[in-house]
Amino acid sequence: MPTEQKKRIKREPEIAHVEMRYWDRRRVDRRVVKVDRVVWERASKYAWFLLGGSGKGKAYCCTGDIHAPVYLHRYAWQMLHGNVEIPKDMCIDHISGNIFDCTCDNLRCVTYSENRMNSEKGIYKRGPCTSEHKGVWKRTHKRKSGEIVTSYVGEVHVQGHPKRTTSFSATKYADPEREAALWYNRQVSELVSGGIARLNQVGVGPDDDNRDDSSENQHTTTDEGTQSDT
């Protein structure tokens, strides 16, 4: 065993580091999955494997039938919470976003909407997110004058609330993509409590000193098409 891994296990005596293979035998690489030792002592009697992971998909640690697998993160959460049933409208979320960390400190039971808010940038109806920031996509349109205008749109979907969108034009902002990312952070922080949502990591930009939140709100709309004055 490598010295580095020995030190890691010594530093985390209650954590087991388990090397997992993929169900697809064409995959020769393996991944190390972290799980609480008390859970692994019971789970180790089953044959676990990584299912998925093709393309950009995520590979989750499973056991049983591949058409109806039992997931390790759900198994671990239930065991550590007295084998209670997970409600049908809830799921188990990896807090850090690392699906190979199935320790109790990294798992929580949340709604599907909250789970999506803690995910990486997503896919929208208009296609893949054309920005490095979550909740932001690029839009290009042609004005009547023939001028091509590029803008970045911030878009927020939270269960129980109408969809919120707003646009930041390159003609008004020096860095419209960053402004849309900041707008997304503010809206999500307002709608989702408990720090569940994953925010965009952005630094200081050229528009910070000149930002006028009141003017921004003038063109924020909901999915009903009305303007938002919040």
Foldseek 3Di string as FASTA:
>chain_A
DDPVVVVVCVVVVQKDWDWAAAPPPVDPDIHTAIEGNVLCVVVVVFRWHWYDPPDPDGTFIFTDDPVDTDTPLVSRQCVVVVNDDQDPQKDKAQQVQDRRYSYPVRIDIGGPQLNVLAHAADADPVGGACDNAHQKHKDWDADPVRDIWIWIKGWDDGPPDFIKMFIDTVVVDVCRRVVSLVVNQVVCPVVDPDPSGDGTDDDDDPCVVPDDVQVRQQGMATPVGDGDRD
